[in-house]
Protein backbone atom coordinates (compact mmCIF):
# COMPACT_ATOMS: atom_id res chain seq x y z
CA MET A 1 0.00 0.00 0.00
CA PHE A 2 1.56 3.30 -1.03
CA GLN A 3 0.91 6.60 0.64
CA MET A 4 1.86 10.20 0.00
CA ALA A 5 1.72 13.47 1.85
CA VAL A 6 0.24 16.79 0.89
CA LEU A 7 1.31 20.17 2.18
CA VAL A 8 -1.29 22.82 1.43
CA ASP A 9 -0.62 26.53 1.63
CA THR A 10 -4.08 28.05 1.44
CA SER A 11 -2.78 31.62 1.34
CA SER A 12 -0.80 31.21 -1.87
CA GLY A 13 -2.89 28.48 -3.49
CA GLU A 14 0.10 26.15 -3.80
CA VAL A 15 -0.11 22.53 -2.80
CA ASN A 16 2.96 20.41 -2.19
CA PHE A 17 3.34 16.70 -1.60
CA SER A 18 6.06 15.65 0.83
CA SER A 19 7.08 12.51 2.70
CA MET A 20 4.42 11.25 5.07
CA LEU A 21 4.70 9.00 8.04
CA ASN A 22 1.12 8.45 9.23
CA PRO A 23 -2.44 8.94 7.94
CA ASN A 24 -3.38 11.46 10.60
CA MET A 25 -3.95 15.09 9.65
CA THR A 26 -1.82 17.61 11.55
CA TRP A 27 -1.86 21.38 11.41
CA LEU A 28 1.54 22.87 10.56
CA SER A 29 0.48 26.52 10.75
CA GLU A 30 -2.56 28.71 10.22
CA ASN A 31 -2.38 28.38 6.44
CA GLN A 32 -0.80 24.96 6.03
CA THR A 33 -2.22 21.48 6.37
CA ALA A 34 -0.35 18.20 6.14
CA TYR A 35 -1.94 14.98 4.95
CA SER A 36 0.29 12.01 5.44
CA ILE A 37 0.08 8.53 4.01
CA ASP A 38 2.63 5.67 4.18
CA SER A 39 4.08 4.77 0.78
CA ASP A 40 5.72 1.99 -1.10
CA ILE A 41 7.57 4.15 -3.62
CA ARG A 42 9.01 1.32 -5.67
CA GLU A 43 5.66 -0.31 -6.38
CA PHE A 44 4.08 3.03 -7.15
CA LEU A 45 6.82 4.06 -9.58
CA LYS A 46 6.65 0.67 -11.30
CA PHE A 47 2.90 1.02 -11.72
CA GLN A 48 3.35 4.61 -12.90
CA ARG A 49 5.74 3.51 -15.65
CA TYR A 50 3.17 1.06 -17.03
CA VAL A 51 0.45 3.71 -16.90
CA SER A 52 2.64 6.28 -18.70
CA ILE A 53 2.96 3.87 -21.64
CA ILE A 54 -0.50 2.28 -21.87
CA ILE A 55 -2.71 5.34 -21.28
CA PRO A 56 -1.24 7.53 -24.08
CA ILE A 57 -1.64 4.67 -26.57
CA ILE A 58 -5.30 4.21 -25.66
CA PHE A 59 -5.96 7.95 -25.67
CA SER A 60 -4.26 8.33 -29.07
CA LEU A 61 -6.67 5.77 -30.54
CA ILE A 62 -9.61 7.59 -28.94
CA VAL A 63 -8.47 10.90 -30.46
CA ALA A 64 -7.88 9.41 -33.92
CA PHE A 65 -11.20 7.57 -34.25
CA GLY A 66 -13.23 10.14 -32.30
CA LEU A 67 -11.91 13.05 -34.32
CA ALA A 68 -12.61 11.38 -37.67
CA GLY A 69 -16.04 10.08 -36.69
CA ASN A 70 -17.40 13.24 -35.07
CA VAL A 71 -16.08 15.57 -37.78
CA LEU A 72 -17.73 13.36 -40.41
CA VAL A 73 -21.08 13.51 -38.55
CA ILE A 74 -20.89 17.31 -38.25
CA VAL A 75 -19.99 17.79 -41.93
CA VAL A 76 -22.71 15.47 -43.21
CA ILE A 77 -25.50 17.07 -41.14
CA CYS A 78 -24.38 20.64 -41.86
CA ILE A 79 -24.06 20.09 -45.63
CA ASN A 80 -27.34 18.21 -46.12
CA GLN A 81 -30.20 20.53 -45.18
CA GLN A 82 -32.77 17.73 -45.50
CA MET A 83 -31.04 15.92 -42.61
CA ARG A 84 -31.70 18.72 -40.10
CA SER A 85 -34.49 16.97 -38.22
CA THR A 86 -34.87 17.22 -34.44
CA THR A 87 -33.13 13.89 -33.99
CA ASN A 88 -30.22 14.83 -36.23
CA ILE A 89 -29.84 18.21 -34.50
CA LEU A 90 -29.44 16.32 -31.23
CA ILE A 91 -26.93 13.99 -32.90
CA LEU A 92 -25.08 17.08 -34.17
CA ASN A 93 -24.94 18.51 -30.64
CA LEU A 94 -23.66 15.18 -29.30
CA ALA A 95 -20.93 15.15 -31.95
CA ILE A 96 -19.92 18.73 -31.07
CA ALA A 97 -19.75 17.92 -27.34
CA ASP A 98 -17.69 14.78 -27.99
CA LEU A 99 -15.41 16.63 -30.41
CA LEU A 100 -14.74 19.36 -27.86
CA PHE A 101 -13.93 16.73 -25.27
CA ILE A 102 -11.57 14.92 -27.65
CA ILE A 103 -9.75 18.09 -28.75
CA ILE A 104 -9.56 19.97 -25.46
CA CYS A 105 -9.56 17.32 -22.75
CA VAL A 106 -8.18 13.98 -23.95
CA PRO A 107 -4.68 15.04 -25.14
CA PHE A 108 -3.97 17.00 -21.96
CA THR A 109 -5.32 14.21 -19.76
CA ALA A 110 -2.90 11.87 -21.52
CA ALA A 111 -0.10 14.37 -20.90
CA PHE A 112 -0.93 14.19 -17.19
CA TYR A 113 0.10 10.51 -17.19
CA VAL A 114 3.26 11.01 -19.27
CA LEU A 115 4.81 14.29 -18.13
CA PRO A 116 6.21 14.61 -14.62
CA GLN A 117 5.12 18.24 -14.47
CA TRP A 118 2.15 20.21 -15.80
CA PRO A 119 3.74 22.51 -18.43
CA PHE A 120 0.60 24.26 -19.71
CA GLY A 121 0.11 26.82 -16.96
CA ILE A 122 -2.61 27.59 -14.43
CA VAL A 123 -5.08 29.18 -16.89
CA TRP A 124 -5.14 26.16 -19.20
CA CYS A 125 -5.38 23.88 -16.15
CA LYS A 126 -8.57 25.65 -15.10
CA ILE A 127 -9.98 25.48 -18.64
CA ILE A 128 -9.24 21.74 -18.96
CA GLN A 129 -10.85 20.84 -15.62
CA TYR A 130 -13.83 23.04 -16.49
CA MET A 131 -14.38 21.63 -19.98
CA ILE A 132 -14.00 18.00 -18.89
CA TYR A 133 -17.17 18.19 -16.82
CA VAL A 134 -19.08 20.56 -19.12
CA CYS A 135 -18.53 18.27 -22.13
CA ALA A 136 -19.26 15.13 -20.13
CA TYR A 137 -22.59 16.50 -18.91
CA ALA A 138 -23.41 17.86 -22.38
CA SER A 139 -22.90 14.42 -23.93
CA VAL A 140 -24.93 12.61 -21.30
CA TYR A 141 -27.87 14.99 -21.30
CA THR A 142 -27.95 15.17 -25.09
CA LEU A 143 -28.47 11.39 -24.99
CA VAL A 144 -31.25 11.96 -22.45
CA LEU A 145 -32.91 14.45 -24.81
CA MET A 146 -32.53 11.97 -27.69
CA SER A 147 -34.31 9.34 -25.62
CA LEU A 148 -37.10 11.80 -24.81
CA ASP A 149 -37.37 12.74 -28.48
CA ARG A 150 -37.68 9.10 -29.50
CA TYR A 151 -40.27 8.49 -26.78
CA LEU A 152 -42.43 11.36 -28.04
CA ALA A 153 -42.03 10.31 -31.66
CA VAL A 154 -43.05 6.70 -30.98
CA VAL A 155 -45.59 6.97 -28.15
CA HIS A 156 -47.13 10.38 -28.95
CA PRO A 157 -46.43 10.90 -32.67
CA ILE A 158 -49.38 13.25 -33.34
CA TYR A 159 -49.49 15.10 -30.03
CA SER A 160 -45.76 15.87 -30.09
CA ILE A 161 -45.61 17.35 -33.62
CA PRO A 162 -46.02 21.00 -32.49
CA TYR A 163 -43.27 20.54 -29.88
CA ARG A 164 -40.71 18.49 -31.78
CA THR A 165 -39.54 21.33 -34.04
CA GLN A 166 -36.05 22.42 -35.05
CA GLN A 167 -36.46 25.78 -33.32
CA ASN A 168 -37.56 24.23 -30.01
CA THR A 169 -34.71 21.71 -30.16
CA ILE A 170 -32.13 24.45 -30.73
CA TRP A 171 -33.52 26.53 -27.85
CA ILE A 172 -33.44 23.54 -25.51
CA LEU A 173 -29.83 22.80 -26.44
CA LEU A 174 -28.83 26.45 -25.93
CA CYS A 175 -30.44 26.35 -22.48
CA LEU A 176 -28.61 23.09 -21.72
CA TRP A 177 -25.23 24.56 -22.66
CA GLY A 178 -26.02 27.76 -20.75
CA VAL A 179 -26.83 25.85 -17.55
CA LEU A 180 -23.72 23.67 -17.86
CA LEU A 181 -21.36 26.55 -18.64
CA CYS A 182 -22.67 28.67 -15.75
CA GLY A 183 -23.13 25.81 -13.30
CA HIS A 184 -19.51 24.66 -13.53
CA THR A 185 -17.87 28.07 -12.99
CA PRO A 186 -16.72 27.02 -9.46
CA LEU A 187 -14.29 24.65 -11.19
CA LEU A 188 -12.52 27.68 -12.66
CA LEU A 189 -11.88 28.86 -9.11
CA HIS A 190 -11.00 25.54 -7.46
CA SER A 191 -8.77 24.06 -10.17
CA ASN A 192 -5.07 24.75 -9.93
CA VAL A 193 -1.62 23.26 -10.44
CA LEU A 194 -0.59 20.92 -7.62
CA ASN A 195 3.12 20.95 -6.81
CA TYR A 196 4.46 17.97 -4.88
CA VAL A 197 7.60 15.99 -4.16
CA THR A 198 7.83 12.21 -4.57
CA ASN A 199 11.04 10.26 -4.11
CA ASN A 200 12.99 13.56 -4.02
CA GLU A 201 11.56 14.54 -7.41
CA ASN A 202 9.61 17.77 -7.95
CA LEU A 203 6.34 16.99 -9.70
CA SER A 204 3.14 18.84 -10.51
CA ALA A 205 -0.38 18.02 -11.66
CA CYS A 206 -3.56 19.82 -12.71
CA LEU A 207 -6.33 18.99 -10.23
CA ASN A 208 -9.45 20.27 -8.53
CA LEU A 209 -7.75 21.36 -5.30
CA LYS A 210 -11.04 21.62 -3.42
CA THR A 211 -11.52 17.87 -3.65
CA VAL A 212 -7.89 17.29 -2.61
CA THR A 213 -7.93 19.43 0.52
CA ASP A 214 -11.55 18.94 1.65
CA GLN A 215 -12.77 15.35 2.04
CA GLN A 216 -16.40 16.38 2.52
CA ALA A 217 -16.30 18.56 -0.59
CA SER A 218 -14.78 15.65 -2.51
CA LYS A 219 -17.64 13.33 -1.49
CA ILE A 220 -20.25 15.93 -2.45
CA PHE A 221 -18.61 16.77 -5.79
CA TYR A 222 -18.03 13.23 -7.05
CA GLY A 223 -21.24 11.93 -5.49
CA SER A 224 -23.35 14.56 -7.26
CA PHE A 225 -21.47 13.96 -10.51
CA PHE A 226 -22.23 10.23 -10.29
CA VAL A 227 -25.91 10.80 -9.44
CA CYS A 228 -26.47 13.49 -12.11
């Protein structure tokens, strides 16, 4: 079982990992908190080497196939006006959400596993963490809307005709994106670059620091994400 330690300076926003001897939290000063966990460095580094090889390969395949497939869907629907039905508009939105995720999030998530330090800066760190969840929710709830659209088309084909229009579909999608973009703004505040030391090596990572430093906030954040 490996364990690490986190040293958090809440005044500067920096977070540092250091050697830890026990799992008990101790206060170092007014603005610093230490989280300590026993570690088996050798096993962790061995596992990390495997991850740094396998994950980029998998993510590269996701980018290649996802980029080609989603771009093709977008081009076909945009070029052919007769294909702009409510269902295809939802499919177009799904392709856009997935394409944004593939372009913005996947390559930099892969870099997290390969590079020992986050080289893209704090601003891009905040954008990546923000867009990961916005695009994930957009994809999921577009699928929900597609299911609702199919339900209305099959179960209430006549009654739903006035409601299943292109204009209504576009307005619903704009509202969806508006809610997601506004609702995830706290991530822009809580995400930051985490600086830490492991095995006498200075490392850094892009994380949601709120979930790292506050266990209750972590449970609420990931629990609500799972439920929603």
